[in-house]
Amino acid sequence: MSVEKYRQNISELKEGMALAEYNMLREKAMRNETLIQSDGQGGTVEVSARELFEKLYGEPAPTF
């Protein structure tokens, strides 16, 4: 595999992961669910999917 093909595959993988994260967070926001995230210090914190969706994507949280 050439270096260019390798870079292209990595780029496509990153795009796919970003899309999957967007869709998962959007679905959870619609259902008013929460997510468990790392607090960066080895612990966890529960966050609202609606708030996180709006913060990350600058879009209003979707509703049914």
N, C-alpha and C. Protein backbone atom coordinates (compact mmCIF):
# COMPACT_ATOMS: atom_id res chain seq x y z
N MET A 1 0.84 -1.17 0.00
CA MET A 1 0.00 0.00 0.00
C MET A 1 0.89 1.24 0.00
N SER A 2 0.57 2.15 -0.88
CA SER A 2 1.37 3.37 -0.96
C SER A 2 1.04 4.29 0.20
N VAL A 3 1.93 5.21 0.44
CA VAL A 3 1.74 6.18 1.53
C VAL A 3 0.49 7.02 1.27
N GLU A 4 0.28 7.41 0.02
CA GLU A 4 -0.88 8.24 -0.32
C GLU A 4 -2.19 7.47 -0.08
N LYS A 5 -2.23 6.20 -0.47
CA LYS A 5 -3.43 5.38 -0.25
C LYS A 5 -3.66 5.20 1.25
N TYR A 6 -2.61 5.02 2.00
CA TYR A 6 -2.69 4.88 3.46
C TYR A 6 -3.30 6.15 4.07
N ARG A 7 -2.82 7.30 3.64
CA ARG A 7 -3.34 8.58 4.15
C ARG A 7 -4.81 8.76 3.78
N GLN A 8 -5.16 8.36 2.58
CA GLN A 8 -6.55 8.46 2.14
C GLN A 8 -7.45 7.58 3.00
N ASN A 9 -7.01 6.36 3.27
CA ASN A 9 -7.78 5.45 4.11
C ASN A 9 -7.95 6.01 5.52
N ILE A 10 -6.91 6.56 6.09
CA ILE A 10 -6.97 7.16 7.42
C ILE A 10 -7.95 8.33 7.42
N SER A 11 -7.90 9.16 6.39
CA SER A 11 -8.80 10.30 6.28
C SER A 11 -10.25 9.85 6.19
N GLU A 12 -10.52 8.83 5.40
CA GLU A 12 -11.89 8.31 5.27
C GLU A 12 -12.37 7.69 6.58
N LEU A 13 -11.48 7.03 7.29
CA LEU A 13 -11.83 6.45 8.58
C LEU A 13 -12.19 7.54 9.58
N LYS A 14 -11.42 8.61 9.62
CA LYS A 14 -11.71 9.73 10.53
C LYS A 14 -13.05 10.37 10.20
N GLU A 15 -13.32 10.55 8.92
CA GLU A 15 -14.60 11.13 8.51
C GLU A 15 -15.76 10.24 8.93
N GLY A 16 -15.60 8.94 8.76
CA GLY A 16 -16.64 7.99 9.15
C GLY A 16 -16.87 7.99 10.65
N MET A 17 -15.81 8.07 11.42
CA MET A 17 -15.94 8.11 12.88
C MET A 17 -16.64 9.40 13.33
N ALA A 18 -16.31 10.52 12.70
CA ALA A 18 -16.94 11.79 13.05
C ALA A 18 -18.44 11.75 12.72
N LEU A 19 -18.79 11.17 11.59
CA LEU A 19 -20.20 11.06 11.21
C LEU A 19 -20.95 10.14 12.17
N ALA A 20 -20.34 9.04 12.55
CA ALA A 20 -20.96 8.11 13.50
C ALA A 20 -21.19 8.79 14.85
N GLU A 21 -20.21 9.56 15.30
CA GLU A 21 -20.35 10.27 16.58
C GLU A 21 -21.48 11.30 16.49
N TYR A 22 -21.55 12.04 15.41
CA TYR A 22 -22.61 13.02 15.20
C TYR A 22 -23.98 12.35 15.26
N ASN A 23 -24.14 11.26 14.51
CA ASN A 23 -25.43 10.57 14.47
C ASN A 23 -25.82 10.00 15.82
N MET A 24 -24.86 9.41 16.54
CA MET A 24 -25.14 8.85 17.86
C MET A 24 -25.56 9.95 18.83
N LEU A 25 -24.84 11.05 18.83
CA LEU A 25 -25.15 12.15 19.74
C LEU A 25 -26.49 12.78 19.39
N ARG A 26 -26.77 12.89 18.11
CA ARG A 26 -28.05 13.46 17.66
C ARG A 26 -29.21 12.58 18.13
N GLU A 27 -29.09 11.28 17.98
CA GLU A 27 -30.13 10.35 18.42
C GLU A 27 -30.34 10.43 19.93
N LYS A 28 -29.27 10.48 20.69
CA LYS A 28 -29.38 10.57 22.14
C LYS A 28 -29.98 11.91 22.56
N ALA A 29 -29.65 12.98 21.85
CA ALA A 29 -30.21 14.30 22.16
C ALA A 29 -31.71 14.31 21.91
N MET A 30 -32.15 13.66 20.84
CA MET A 30 -33.58 13.59 20.54
C MET A 30 -34.34 12.87 21.65
N ARG A 31 -33.71 11.89 22.26
CA ARG A 31 -34.35 11.11 23.32
C ARG A 31 -34.10 11.70 24.72
N ASN A 32 -33.42 12.84 24.76
CA ASN A 32 -33.10 13.51 26.02
C ASN A 32 -32.33 12.59 26.96
N GLU A 33 -31.36 11.85 26.42
CA GLU A 33 -30.55 10.92 27.21
C GLU A 33 -29.28 11.61 27.68
N THR A 34 -28.52 10.89 28.49
CA THR A 34 -27.24 11.41 28.98
C THR A 34 -26.11 10.53 28.47
N LEU A 35 -24.91 11.07 28.55
CA LEU A 35 -23.69 10.34 28.16
C LEU A 35 -22.75 10.32 29.34
N ILE A 36 -21.93 9.31 29.40
CA ILE A 36 -20.87 9.23 30.40
C ILE A 36 -19.57 9.54 29.69
N GLN A 37 -18.85 10.55 30.18
CA GLN A 37 -17.59 10.97 29.58
C GLN A 37 -16.49 10.96 30.63
N SER A 38 -15.27 10.92 30.15
CA SER A 38 -14.12 11.04 31.04
C SER A 38 -14.00 12.48 31.52
N ASP A 39 -13.58 12.64 32.76
CA ASP A 39 -13.36 13.99 33.27
C ASP A 39 -11.91 14.44 33.05
N GLY A 40 -11.11 13.58 32.42
CA GLY A 40 -9.72 13.92 32.12
C GLY A 40 -8.76 13.61 33.24
N GLN A 41 -9.29 13.15 34.36
CA GLN A 41 -8.44 12.85 35.51
C GLN A 41 -8.66 11.42 36.01
N GLY A 42 -9.15 10.56 35.13
CA GLY A 42 -9.36 9.17 35.48
C GLY A 42 -10.75 8.88 36.01
N GLY A 43 -11.58 9.88 36.13
CA GLY A 43 -12.95 9.70 36.60
C GLY A 43 -13.94 9.85 35.47
N THR A 44 -15.20 9.82 35.81
CA THR A 44 -16.25 9.97 34.82
C THR A 44 -17.22 11.05 35.25
N VAL A 45 -17.97 11.56 34.28
CA VAL A 45 -18.97 12.57 34.54
C VAL A 45 -20.15 12.32 33.60
N GLU A 46 -21.35 12.52 34.09
CA GLU A 46 -22.56 12.34 33.29
C GLU A 46 -22.94 13.70 32.70
N VAL A 47 -23.16 13.75 31.38
CA VAL A 47 -23.51 15.01 30.72
C VAL A 47 -24.77 14.83 29.88
N SER A 48 -25.50 15.90 29.71
CA SER A 48 -26.71 15.89 28.89
C SER A 48 -26.32 15.83 27.42
N ALA A 49 -26.90 14.90 26.68
CA ALA A 49 -26.62 14.78 25.25
C ALA A 49 -27.11 16.03 24.51
N ARG A 50 -28.22 16.60 24.95
CA ARG A 50 -28.75 17.81 24.30
C ARG A 50 -27.77 18.97 24.43
N GLU A 51 -27.27 19.20 25.64
CA GLU A 51 -26.33 20.29 25.86
C GLU A 51 -25.03 20.08 25.09
N LEU A 52 -24.53 18.85 25.12
CA LEU A 52 -23.28 18.56 24.42
C LEU A 52 -23.45 18.72 22.91
N PHE A 53 -24.56 18.25 22.37
CA PHE A 53 -24.82 18.37 20.94
C PHE A 53 -24.83 19.84 20.53
N GLU A 54 -25.55 20.65 21.27
CA GLU A 54 -25.62 22.08 20.95
C GLU A 54 -24.26 22.75 21.08
N LYS A 55 -23.49 22.36 22.08
CA LYS A 55 -22.16 22.95 22.30
C LYS A 55 -21.19 22.56 21.18
N LEU A 56 -21.17 21.29 20.80
CA LEU A 56 -20.21 20.81 19.80
C LEU A 56 -20.55 21.24 18.38
N TYR A 57 -21.83 21.20 18.03
CA TYR A 57 -22.21 21.41 16.64
C TYR A 57 -22.89 22.74 16.37
N GLY A 58 -23.19 23.51 17.42
CA GLY A 58 -23.81 24.81 17.22
C GLY A 58 -25.17 24.75 16.59
N GLU A 59 -25.85 23.62 16.72
CA GLU A 59 -27.19 23.44 16.17
C GLU A 59 -28.15 23.23 17.34
N PRO A 60 -29.41 23.61 17.15
CA PRO A 60 -30.38 23.30 18.21
C PRO A 60 -30.56 21.78 18.29
N ALA A 61 -30.77 21.29 19.49
CA ALA A 61 -30.98 19.85 19.67
C ALA A 61 -32.25 19.44 18.95
N PRO A 62 -32.20 18.35 18.20
CA PRO A 62 -33.38 17.90 17.45
C PRO A 62 -34.46 17.38 18.39
N THR A 63 -35.69 17.44 17.92
CA THR A 63 -36.82 16.90 18.67
C THR A 63 -37.61 15.99 17.74
N PHE A 64 -38.48 15.21 18.31
CA PHE A 64 -39.33 14.32 17.51
C PHE A 64 -40.38 15.10 16.78
